[in-house]
Amino acid sequence: EDLSADTRYYYRYRAGERTSEIGTFRTAPAPSQSAAVRFGWV
């Protein structure tokens, strides 16, 4: 929670000495910001 709008983040998980793959996401722009967007559906 309490993330910053329109910001790239990275995440991963650890279990003992092992580490997961790295994932990434970008948060949405603030509702007042006019920003282009590209998305898919499957």
ModelCIF file with pLDDT and N, C-alpha, C, O atoms, coordinates in Angstrom:
data_MODEL
#
_entry.id   MODEL 
#
_entity.id                         1 
_entity.type                       polymer 
_entity.pdbx_number_of_molecules   1 
#
_entity_poly.entity_id                      1 
_entity_poly.type                           'polypeptide(L)' 
_entity_poly.nstd_linkage                   no 
_entity_poly.nstd_monomer                   no 
_entity_poly.pdbx_seq_one_letter_code       EDLSADTRYYYRYRAGERTSEIGTFRTAPAPSQSAAVRFGWV 
_entity_poly.pdbx_seq_one_letter_code_can   EDLSADTRYYYRYRAGERTSEIGTFRTAPAPSQSAAVRFGWV 
_entity_poly.pdbx_strand_id                 A 
#
loop_
_entity_poly_seq.entity_id 
_entity_poly_seq.num 
_entity_poly_seq.mon_id 
_entity_poly_seq.hetero 
1 1  GLU n 
1 2  ASP n 
1 3  LEU n 
1 4  SER n 
1 5  ALA n 
1 6  ASP n 
1 7  THR n 
1 8  ARG n 
1 9  TYR n 
1 10 TYR n 
1 11 TYR n 
1 12 ARG n 
1 13 TYR n 
1 14 ARG n 
1 15 ALA n 
1 16 GLY n 
1 17 GLU n 
1 18 ARG n 
1 19 THR n 
1 20 SER n 
1 21 GLU n 
1 22 ILE n 
1 23 GLY n 
1 24 THR n 
1 25 PHE n 
1 26 ARG n 
1 27 THR n 
1 28 ALA n 
1 29 PRO n 
1 30 ALA n 
1 31 PRO n 
1 32 SER n 
1 33 GLN n 
1 34 SER n 
1 35 ALA n 
1 36 ALA n 
1 37 VAL n 
1 38 ARG n 
1 39 PHE n 
1 40 GLY n 
1 41 TRP n 
1 42 VAL n 
#
_struct_asym.id          A 
_struct_asym.entity_id   1 
#
loop_
_ma_qa_metric.id 
_ma_qa_metric.mode 
_ma_qa_metric.name 
_ma_qa_metric.software_group_id 
_ma_qa_metric.type 
1 global pLDDT . pLDDT 
2 local  pLDDT . pLDDT 
#
_ma_qa_metric_global.metric_id      1 
_ma_qa_metric_global.metric_value   97.43 
_ma_qa_metric_global.model_id       1 
_ma_qa_metric_global.ordinal_id     1 
#
loop_
_ma_qa_metric_local.label_asym_id 
_ma_qa_metric_local.label_comp_id 
_ma_qa_metric_local.label_seq_id 
_ma_qa_metric_local.metric_id 
_ma_qa_metric_local.metric_value 
_ma_qa_metric_local.model_id 
_ma_qa_metric_local.ordinal_id 
A GLU 1  2 98.00 1 1  
A ASP 2  2 98.00 1 2  
A LEU 3  2 98.00 1 3  
A SER 4  2 98.00 1 4  
A ALA 5  2 98.00 1 5  
A ASP 6  2 98.00 1 6  
A THR 7  2 98.00 1 7  
A ARG 8  2 98.00 1 8  
A TYR 9  2 98.00 1 9  
A TYR 10 2 98.00 1 10 
A TYR 11 2 98.00 1 11 
A ARG 12 2 98.00 1 12 
A TYR 13 2 98.00 1 13 
A ARG 14 2 98.00 1 14 
A ALA 15 2 97.00 1 15 
A GLY 16 2 94.00 1 16 
A GLU 17 2 94.00 1 17 
A ARG 18 2 97.00 1 18 
A THR 19 2 98.00 1 19 
A SER 20 2 98.00 1 20 
A GLU 21 2 98.00 1 21 
A ILE 22 2 98.00 1 22 
A GLY 23 2 98.00 1 23 
A THR 24 2 98.00 1 24 
A PHE 25 2 98.00 1 25 
A ARG 26 2 98.00 1 26 
A THR 27 2 98.00 1 27 
A ALA 28 2 98.00 1 28 
A PRO 29 2 98.00 1 29 
A ALA 30 2 97.00 1 30 
A PRO 31 2 96.00 1 31 
A SER 32 2 95.00 1 32 
A GLN 33 2 96.00 1 33 
A SER 34 2 95.00 1 34 
A ALA 35 2 96.00 1 35 
A ALA 36 2 97.00 1 36 
A VAL 37 2 98.00 1 37 
A ARG 38 2 98.00 1 38 
A PHE 39 2 98.00 1 39 
A GLY 40 2 98.00 1 40 
A TRP 41 2 98.00 1 41 
A VAL 42 2 98.00 1 42 
#
loop_
_atom_site.group_PDB 
_atom_site.id 
_atom_site.type_symbol 
_atom_site.label_atom_id 
_atom_site.label_alt_id 
_atom_site.label_comp_id 
_atom_site.label_asym_id 
_atom_site.label_entity_id 
_atom_site.label_seq_id 
_atom_site.pdbx_PDB_ins_code 
_atom_site.Cartn_x 
_atom_site.Cartn_y 
_atom_site.Cartn_z 
_atom_site.occupancy 
_atom_site.B_iso_or_equiv 
_atom_site.pdbx_formal_charge 
_atom_site.auth_seq_id 
_atom_site.auth_comp_id 
_atom_site.auth_asym_id 
_atom_site.auth_atom_id 
_atom_site.pdbx_PDB_model_num 
ATOM 1   N N  . GLU A 1 1  ? 0.830  -1.201  0.000   1.00 98.00 ? 1  GLU A N  1 
ATOM 2   C CA . GLU A 1 1  ? 0.000  0.000   0.000   1.00 98.00 ? 1  GLU A CA 1 
ATOM 3   C C  . GLU A 1 1  ? 0.865  1.253   0.000   1.00 98.00 ? 1  GLU A C  1 
ATOM 4   O O  . GLU A 1 1  ? 2.088  1.183   0.124   1.00 98.00 ? 1  GLU A O  1 
ATOM 5   N N  . ASP A 1 2  ? 0.208  2.396   -0.141  1.00 98.00 ? 2  ASP A N  1 
ATOM 6   C CA . ASP A 1 2  ? 0.860  3.711   -0.062  1.00 98.00 ? 2  ASP A CA 1 
ATOM 7   C C  . ASP A 1 2  ? 2.003  3.826   -1.075  1.00 98.00 ? 2  ASP A C  1 
ATOM 8   O O  . ASP A 1 2  ? 3.055  4.392   -0.774  1.00 98.00 ? 2  ASP A O  1 
ATOM 9   N N  . LEU A 1 3  ? 1.787  3.287   -2.273  1.00 98.00 ? 3  LEU A N  1 
ATOM 10  C CA . LEU A 1 3  ? 2.782  3.398   -3.327  1.00 98.00 ? 3  LEU A CA 1 
ATOM 11  C C  . LEU A 1 3  ? 2.649  4.753   -4.031  1.00 98.00 ? 3  LEU A C  1 
ATOM 12  O O  . LEU A 1 3  ? 1.630  5.432   -3.909  1.00 98.00 ? 3  LEU A O  1 
ATOM 13  N N  . SER A 1 4  ? 3.680  5.123   -4.758  1.00 98.00 ? 4  SER A N  1 
ATOM 14  C CA . SER A 1 4  ? 3.659  6.367   -5.520  1.00 98.00 ? 4  SER A CA 1 
ATOM 15  C C  . SER A 1 4  ? 3.053  6.126   -6.900  1.00 98.00 ? 4  SER A C  1 
ATOM 16  O O  . SER A 1 4  ? 3.298  5.092   -7.523  1.00 98.00 ? 4  SER A O  1 
ATOM 17  N N  . ALA A 1 5  ? 2.272  7.074   -7.366  1.00 98.00 ? 5  ALA A N  1 
ATOM 18  C CA . ALA A 1 5  ? 1.654  6.949   -8.680  1.00 98.00 ? 5  ALA A CA 1 
ATOM 19  C C  . ALA A 1 5  ? 2.705  7.016   -9.778  1.00 98.00 ? 5  ALA A C  1 
ATOM 20  O O  . ALA A 1 5  ? 3.752  7.647   -9.627  1.00 98.00 ? 5  ALA A O  1 
ATOM 21  N N  . ASP A 1 6  ? 2.398  6.347   -10.888 1.00 98.00 ? 6  ASP A N  1 
ATOM 22  C CA . ASP A 1 6  ? 3.220  6.402   -12.101 1.00 98.00 ? 6  ASP A CA 1 
ATOM 23  C C  . ASP A 1 6  ? 4.699  6.108   -11.793 1.00 98.00 ? 6  ASP A C  1 
ATOM 24  O O  . ASP A 1 6  ? 5.594  6.855   -12.188 1.00 98.00 ? 6  ASP A O  1 
ATOM 25  N N  . THR A 1 7  ? 4.920  5.007   -11.081 1.00 98.00 ? 7  THR A N  1 
ATOM 26  C CA . THR A 1 7  ? 6.270  4.663   -10.614 1.00 98.00 ? 7  THR A CA 1 
ATOM 27  C C  . THR A 1 7  ? 6.555  3.195   -10.893 1.00 98.00 ? 7  THR A C  1 
ATOM 28  O O  . THR A 1 7  ? 5.691  2.341   -10.697 1.00 98.00 ? 7  THR A O  1 
ATOM 29  N N  . ARG A 1 8  ? 7.763  2.906   -11.348 1.00 98.00 ? 8  ARG A N  1 
ATOM 30  C CA . ARG A 1 8  ? 8.215  1.534   -11.596 1.00 98.00 ? 8  ARG A CA 1 
ATOM 31  C C  . ARG A 1 8  ? 8.719  0.915   -10.294 1.00 98.00 ? 8  ARG A C  1 
ATOM 32  O O  . ARG A 1 8  ? 9.520  1.520   -9.581  1.00 98.00 ? 8  ARG A O  1 
ATOM 33  N N  . TYR A 1 9  ? 8.245  -0.293  -9.989  1.00 98.00 ? 9  TYR A N  1 
ATOM 34  C CA . TYR A 1 9  ? 8.699  -1.052  -8.829  1.00 98.00 ? 9  TYR A CA 1 
ATOM 35  C C  . TYR A 1 9  ? 9.160  -2.437  -9.275  1.00 98.00 ? 9  TYR A C  1 
ATOM 36  O O  . TYR A 1 9  ? 8.778  -2.934  -10.334 1.00 98.00 ? 9  TYR A O  1 
ATOM 37  N N  . TYR A 1 10 ? 10.002 -3.045  -8.422  1.00 98.00 ? 10 TYR A N  1 
ATOM 38  C CA . TYR A 1 10 ? 10.469 -4.410  -8.617  1.00 98.00 ? 10 TYR A CA 1 
ATOM 39  C C  . TYR A 1 10 ? 10.200 -5.189  -7.338  1.00 98.00 ? 10 TYR A C  1 
ATOM 40  O O  . TYR A 1 10 ? 10.234 -4.630  -6.242  1.00 98.00 ? 10 TYR A O  1 
ATOM 41  N N  . TYR A 1 11 ? 9.932  -6.486  -7.483  1.00 98.00 ? 11 TYR A N  1 
ATOM 42  C CA . TYR A 1 11 ? 9.662  -7.307  -6.312  1.00 98.00 ? 11 TYR A CA 1 
ATOM 43  C C  . TYR A 1 11 ? 10.249 -8.693  -6.512  1.00 98.00 ? 11 TYR A C  1 
ATOM 44  O O  . TYR A 1 11 ? 10.466 -9.151  -7.634  1.00 98.00 ? 11 TYR A O  1 
ATOM 45  N N  . ARG A 1 12 ? 10.496 -9.336  -5.393  1.00 98.00 ? 12 ARG A N  1 
ATOM 46  C CA . ARG A 1 12 ? 10.955 -10.721 -5.402  1.00 98.00 ? 12 ARG A CA 1 
ATOM 47  C C  . ARG A 1 12 ? 10.634 -11.325 -4.040  1.00 98.00 ? 12 ARG A C  1 
ATOM 48  O O  . ARG A 1 12 ? 10.192 -10.633 -3.123  1.00 98.00 ? 12 ARG A O  1 
ATOM 49  N N  . TYR A 1 13 ? 10.865 -12.627 -3.930  1.00 98.00 ? 13 TYR A N  1 
ATOM 50  C CA . TYR A 1 13 ? 10.621 -13.343 -2.673  1.00 98.00 ? 13 TYR A CA 1 
ATOM 51  C C  . TYR A 1 13 ? 11.873 -14.125 -2.305  1.00 98.00 ? 13 TYR A C  1 
ATOM 52  O O  . TYR A 1 13 ? 12.657 -14.535 -3.161  1.00 98.00 ? 13 TYR A O  1 
ATOM 53  N N  . ARG A 1 14 ? 12.032 -14.317 -0.993  1.00 98.00 ? 14 ARG A N  1 
ATOM 54  C CA . ARG A 1 14 ? 13.138 -15.123 -0.465  1.00 98.00 ? 14 ARG A CA 1 
ATOM 55  C C  . ARG A 1 14 ? 12.581 -16.228 0.424   1.00 98.00 ? 14 ARG A C  1 
ATOM 56  O O  . ARG A 1 14 ? 11.628 -16.024 1.175   1.00 98.00 ? 14 ARG A O  1 
ATOM 57  N N  . ALA A 1 15 ? 13.199 -17.406 0.323   1.00 97.00 ? 15 ALA A N  1 
ATOM 58  C CA . ALA A 1 15 ? 12.874 -18.525 1.219   1.00 97.00 ? 15 ALA A CA 1 
ATOM 59  C C  . ALA A 1 15 ? 14.198 -19.174 1.587   1.00 97.00 ? 15 ALA A C  1 
ATOM 60  O O  . ALA A 1 15 ? 14.791 -19.879 0.771   1.00 97.00 ? 15 ALA A O  1 
ATOM 61  N N  . GLY A 1 16 ? 14.665 -18.942 2.807   1.00 94.00 ? 16 GLY A N  1 
ATOM 62  C CA . GLY A 1 16 ? 15.986 -19.434 3.183   1.00 94.00 ? 16 GLY A CA 1 
ATOM 63  C C  . GLY A 1 16 ? 17.049 -18.791 2.322   1.00 94.00 ? 16 GLY A C  1 
ATOM 64  O O  . GLY A 1 16 ? 17.135 -17.567 2.227   1.00 94.00 ? 16 GLY A O  1 
ATOM 65  N N  . GLU A 1 17 ? 17.861 -19.630 1.694   1.00 94.00 ? 17 GLU A N  1 
ATOM 66  C CA . GLU A 1 17 ? 18.927 -19.115 0.842   1.00 94.00 ? 17 GLU A CA 1 
ATOM 67  C C  . GLU A 1 17 ? 18.484 -18.918 -0.603  1.00 94.00 ? 17 GLU A C  1 
ATOM 68  O O  . GLU A 1 17 ? 19.267 -18.455 -1.431  1.00 94.00 ? 17 GLU A O  1 
ATOM 69  N N  . ARG A 1 18 ? 17.238 -19.264 -0.914  1.00 97.00 ? 18 ARG A N  1 
ATOM 70  C CA . ARG A 1 18 ? 16.774 -19.186 -2.297  1.00 97.00 ? 18 ARG A CA 1 
ATOM 71  C C  . ARG A 1 18 ? 16.003 -17.895 -2.546  1.00 97.00 ? 18 ARG A C  1 
ATOM 72  O O  . ARG A 1 18 ? 15.336 -17.361 -1.660  1.00 97.00 ? 18 ARG A O  1 
ATOM 73  N N  . THR A 1 19 ? 16.115 -17.414 -3.772  1.00 98.00 ? 19 THR A N  1 
ATOM 74  C CA . THR A 1 19 ? 15.433 -16.192 -4.199  1.00 98.00 ? 19 THR A CA 1 
ATOM 75  C C  . THR A 1 19 ? 14.615 -16.489 -5.450  1.00 98.00 ? 19 THR A C  1 
ATOM 76  O O  . THR A 1 19 ? 15.060 -17.214 -6.340  1.00 98.00 ? 19 THR A O  1 
ATOM 77  N N  . SER A 1 20 ? 13.423 -15.923 -5.506  1.00 98.00 ? 20 SER A N  1 
ATOM 78  C CA . SER A 1 20 ? 12.551 -16.115 -6.664  1.00 98.00 ? 20 SER A CA 1 
ATOM 79  C C  . SER A 1 20 ? 13.052 -15.298 -7.853  1.00 98.00 ? 20 SER A C  1 
ATOM 80  O O  . SER A 1 20 ? 14.016 -14.540 -7.745  1.00 98.00 ? 20 SER A O  1 
ATOM 81  N N  . GLU A 1 21 ? 12.376 -15.470 -8.986  1.00 98.00 ? 21 GLU A N  1 
ATOM 82  C CA . GLU A 1 21 ? 12.565 -14.548 -10.102 1.00 98.00 ? 21 GLU A CA 1 
ATOM 83  C C  . GLU A 1 21 ? 12.189 -13.139 -9.658  1.00 98.00 ? 21 GLU A C  1 
ATOM 84  O O  . GLU A 1 21 ? 11.520 -12.955 -8.641  1.00 98.00 ? 21 GLU A O  1 
ATOM 85  N N  . ILE A 1 22 ? 12.621 -12.159 -10.423 1.00 98.00 ? 22 ILE A N  1 
ATOM 86  C CA . ILE A 1 22 ? 12.263 -10.773 -10.161 1.00 98.00 ? 22 ILE A CA 1 
ATOM 87  C C  . ILE A 1 22 ? 11.068 -10.402 -11.042 1.00 98.00 ? 22 ILE A C  1 
ATOM 88  O O  . ILE A 1 22 ? 11.073 -10.655 -12.247 1.00 98.00 ? 22 ILE A O  1 
ATOM 89  N N  . GLY A 1 23 ? 10.059 -9.809  -10.438 1.00 98.00 ? 23 GLY A N  1 
ATOM 90  C CA . GLY A 1 23 ? 8.925  -9.289  -11.172 1.00 98.00 ? 23 GLY A CA 1 
ATOM 91  C C  . GLY A 1 23 ? 8.902  -7.777  -11.124 1.00 98.00 ? 23 GLY A C  1 
ATOM 92  O O  . GLY A 1 23 ? 9.586  -7.166  -10.303 1.00 98.00 ? 23 GLY A O  1 
ATOM 93  N N  . THR A 1 24 ? 8.125  -7.173  -11.995 1.00 98.00 ? 24 THR A N  1 
ATOM 94  C CA . THR A 1 24 ? 8.048  -5.718  -12.029 1.00 98.00 ? 24 THR A CA 1 
ATOM 95  C C  . THR A 1 24 ? 6.636  -5.265  -12.367 1.00 98.00 ? 24 THR A C  1 
ATOM 96  O O  . THR A 1 24 ? 5.874  -5.990  -13.007 1.00 98.00 ? 24 THR A O  1 
ATOM 97  N N  . PHE A 1 25 ? 6.297  -4.056  -11.929 1.00 98.00 ? 25 PHE A N  1 
ATOM 98  C CA . PHE A 1 25 ? 5.038  -3.433  -12.310 1.00 98.00 ? 25 PHE A CA 1 
ATOM 99  C C  . PHE A 1 25 ? 5.205  -1.922  -12.236 1.00 98.00 ? 25 PHE A C  1 
ATOM 100 O O  . PHE A 1 25 ? 6.091  -1.407  -11.553 1.00 98.00 ? 25 PHE A O  1 
ATOM 101 N N  . ARG A 1 26 ? 4.344  -1.238  -12.946 1.00 98.00 ? 26 ARG A N  1 
ATOM 102 C CA . ARG A 1 26 ? 4.293  0.219   -12.863 1.00 98.00 ? 26 ARG A CA 1 
ATOM 103 C C  . ARG A 1 26 ? 2.922  0.614   -12.340 1.00 98.00 ? 26 ARG A C  1 
ATOM 104 O O  . ARG A 1 26 ? 1.905  0.127   -12.834 1.00 98.00 ? 26 ARG A O  1 
ATOM 105 N N  . THR A 1 27 ? 2.887  1.484   -11.352 1.00 98.00 ? 27 THR A N  1 
ATOM 106 C CA . THR A 1 27 ? 1.612  1.953   -10.832 1.00 98.00 ? 27 THR A CA 1 
ATOM 107 C C  . THR A 1 27 ? 0.940  2.889   -11.827 1.00 98.00 ? 27 THR A C  1 
ATOM 108 O O  . THR A 1 27 ? 1.593  3.465   -12.697 1.00 98.00 ? 27 THR A O  1 
ATOM 109 N N  . ALA A 1 28 ? -0.363 3.030   -11.688 1.00 98.00 ? 28 ALA A N  1 
ATOM 110 C CA . ALA A 1 28 ? -1.129 3.903   -12.579 1.00 98.00 ? 28 ALA A CA 1 
ATOM 111 C C  . ALA A 1 28 ? -0.811 5.363   -12.298 1.00 98.00 ? 28 ALA A C  1 
ATOM 112 O O  . ALA A 1 28 ? -0.412 5.712   -11.187 1.00 98.00 ? 28 ALA A O  1 
ATOM 113 N N  . PRO A 1 29 ? -0.985 6.211   -13.294 1.00 98.00 ? 29 PRO A N  1 
ATOM 114 C CA . PRO A 1 29 ? -0.868 7.649   -13.043 1.00 98.00 ? 29 PRO A CA 1 
ATOM 115 C C  . PRO A 1 29 ? -1.991 8.124   -12.118 1.00 98.00 ? 29 PRO A C  1 
ATOM 116 O O  . PRO A 1 29 ? -3.010 7.449   -11.972 1.00 98.00 ? 29 PRO A O  1 
ATOM 117 N N  . ALA A 1 30 ? -1.801 9.266   -11.507 1.00 97.00 ? 30 ALA A N  1 
ATOM 118 C CA . ALA A 1 30 ? -2.862 9.863   -10.696 1.00 97.00 ? 30 ALA A CA 1 
ATOM 119 C C  . ALA A 1 30 ? -4.070 10.174  -11.579 1.00 97.00 ? 30 ALA A C  1 
ATOM 120 O O  . ALA A 1 30 ? -3.911 10.423  -12.774 1.00 97.00 ? 30 ALA A O  1 
ATOM 121 N N  . PRO A 1 31 ? -5.278 10.163  -11.002 1.00 96.00 ? 31 PRO A N  1 
ATOM 122 C CA . PRO A 1 31 ? -6.483 10.380  -11.813 1.00 96.00 ? 31 PRO A CA 1 
ATOM 123 C C  . PRO A 1 31 ? -6.493 11.685  -12.596 1.00 96.00 ? 31 PRO A C  1 
ATOM 124 O O  . PRO A 1 31 ? -7.191 11.791  -13.604 1.00 96.00 ? 31 PRO A O  1 
ATOM 125 N N  . SER A 1 32 ? -5.748 12.657  -12.159 1.00 95.00 ? 32 SER A N  1 
ATOM 126 C CA . SER A 1 32 ? -5.734 13.944  -12.857 1.00 95.00 ? 32 SER A CA 1 
ATOM 127 C C  . SER A 1 32 ? -4.731 13.991  -14.006 1.00 95.00 ? 32 SER A C  1 
ATOM 128 O O  . SER A 1 32 ? -4.723 14.947  -14.780 1.00 95.00 ? 32 SER A O  1 
ATOM 129 N N  . GLN A 1 33 ? -3.880 12.960  -14.124 1.00 96.00 ? 33 GLN A N  1 
ATOM 130 C CA . GLN A 1 33 ? -2.800 12.979  -15.100 1.00 96.00 ? 33 GLN A CA 1 
ATOM 131 C C  . GLN A 1 33 ? -3.260 12.384  -16.430 1.00 96.00 ? 33 GLN A C  1 
ATOM 132 O O  . GLN A 1 33 ? -3.827 11.291  -16.461 1.00 96.00 ? 33 GLN A O  1 
ATOM 133 N N  . SER A 1 34 ? -3.020 13.092  -17.514 1.00 95.00 ? 34 SER A N  1 
ATOM 134 C CA . SER A 1 34 ? -3.360 12.587  -18.842 1.00 95.00 ? 34 SER A CA 1 
ATOM 135 C C  . SER A 1 34 ? -2.152 11.852  -19.403 1.00 95.00 ? 34 SER A C  1 
ATOM 136 O O  . SER A 1 34 ? -1.225 12.474  -19.923 1.00 95.00 ? 34 SER A O  1 
ATOM 137 N N  . ALA A 1 35 ? -2.164 10.532  -19.296 1.00 96.00 ? 35 ALA A N  1 
ATOM 138 C CA . ALA A 1 35 ? -1.011 9.720   -19.698 1.00 96.00 ? 35 ALA A CA 1 
ATOM 139 C C  . ALA A 1 35 ? -1.470 8.618   -20.642 1.00 96.00 ? 35 ALA A C  1 
ATOM 140 O O  . ALA A 1 35 ? -2.493 7.974   -20.411 1.00 96.00 ? 35 ALA A O  1 
ATOM 141 N N  . ALA A 1 36 ? -0.713 8.410   -21.692 1.00 97.00 ? 36 ALA A N  1 
ATOM 142 C CA . ALA A 1 36 ? -1.026 7.338   -22.633 1.00 97.00 ? 36 ALA A CA 1 
ATOM 143 C C  . ALA A 1 36 ? -0.947 5.987   -21.935 1.00 97.00 ? 36 ALA A C  1 
ATOM 144 O O  . ALA A 1 36 ? -0.269 5.843   -20.918 1.00 97.00 ? 36 ALA A O  1 
ATOM 145 N N  . VAL A 1 37 ? -1.639 5.005   -22.482 1.00 98.00 ? 37 VAL A N  1 
ATOM 146 C CA . VAL A 1 37 ? -1.646 3.668   -21.883 1.00 98.00 ? 37 VAL A CA 1 
ATOM 147 C C  . VAL A 1 37 ? -1.759 2.623   -22.988 1.00 98.00 ? 37 VAL A C  1 
ATOM 148 O O  . VAL A 1 37 ? -2.391 2.847   -24.020 1.00 98.00 ? 37 VAL A O  1 
ATOM 149 N N  . ARG A 1 38 ? -1.134 1.483   -22.745 1.00 98.00 ? 38 ARG A N  1 
ATOM 150 C CA . ARG A 1 38 ? -1.188 0.333   -23.664 1.00 98.00 ? 38 ARG A CA 1 
ATOM 151 C C  . ARG A 1 38 ? -1.430 -0.904  -22.803 1.00 98.00 ? 38 ARG A C  1 
ATOM 152 O O  . ARG A 1 38 ? -0.676 -1.167  -21.866 1.00 98.00 ? 38 ARG A O  1 
ATOM 153 N N  . PHE A 1 39 ? -2.476 -1.660  -23.117 1.00 98.00 ? 39 PHE A N  1 
ATOM 154 C CA . PHE A 1 39 ? -2.800 -2.845  -22.320 1.00 98.00 ? 39 PHE A CA 1 
ATOM 155 C C  . PHE A 1 39 ? -3.405 -3.924  -23.203 1.00 98.00 ? 39 PHE A C  1 
ATOM 156 O O  . PHE A 1 39 ? -3.901 -3.648  -24.296 1.00 98.00 ? 39 PHE A O  1 
ATOM 157 N N  . GLY A 1 40 ? -3.356 -5.156  -22.714 1.00 98.00 ? 40 GLY A N  1 
ATOM 158 C CA . GLY A 1 40 ? -3.872 -6.287  -23.471 1.00 98.00 ? 40 GLY A CA 1 
ATOM 159 C C  . GLY A 1 40 ? -4.985 -7.005  -22.746 1.00 98.00 ? 40 GLY A C  1 
ATOM 160 O O  . GLY A 1 40 ? -5.235 -6.774  -21.563 1.00 98.00 ? 40 GLY A O  1 
ATOM 161 N N  . TRP A 1 41 ? -5.656 -7.890  -23.487 1.00 98.00 ? 41 TRP A N  1 
ATOM 162 C CA . TRP A 1 41 ? -6.591 -8.805  -22.836 1.00 98.00 ? 41 TRP A CA 1 
ATOM 163 C C  . TRP A 1 41 ? -6.536 -10.162 -23.524 1.00 98.00 ? 41 TRP A C  1 
ATOM 164 O O  . TRP A 1 41 ? -6.374 -10.263 -24.741 1.00 98.00 ? 41 TRP A O  1 
ATOM 165 N N  . VAL A 1 42 ? -6.676 -11.205 -22.702 1.00 98.00 ? 42 VAL A N  1 
ATOM 166 C CA . VAL A 1 42 ? -6.602 -12.580 -23.193 1.00 98.00 ? 42 VAL A CA 1 
ATOM 167 C C  . VAL A 1 42 ? -7.653 -13.407 -22.469 1.00 98.00 ? 42 VAL A C  1 
ATOM 168 O O  . VAL A 1 42 ? -7.778 -14.605 -22.722 1.00 98.00 ? 42 VAL A O  1 
#
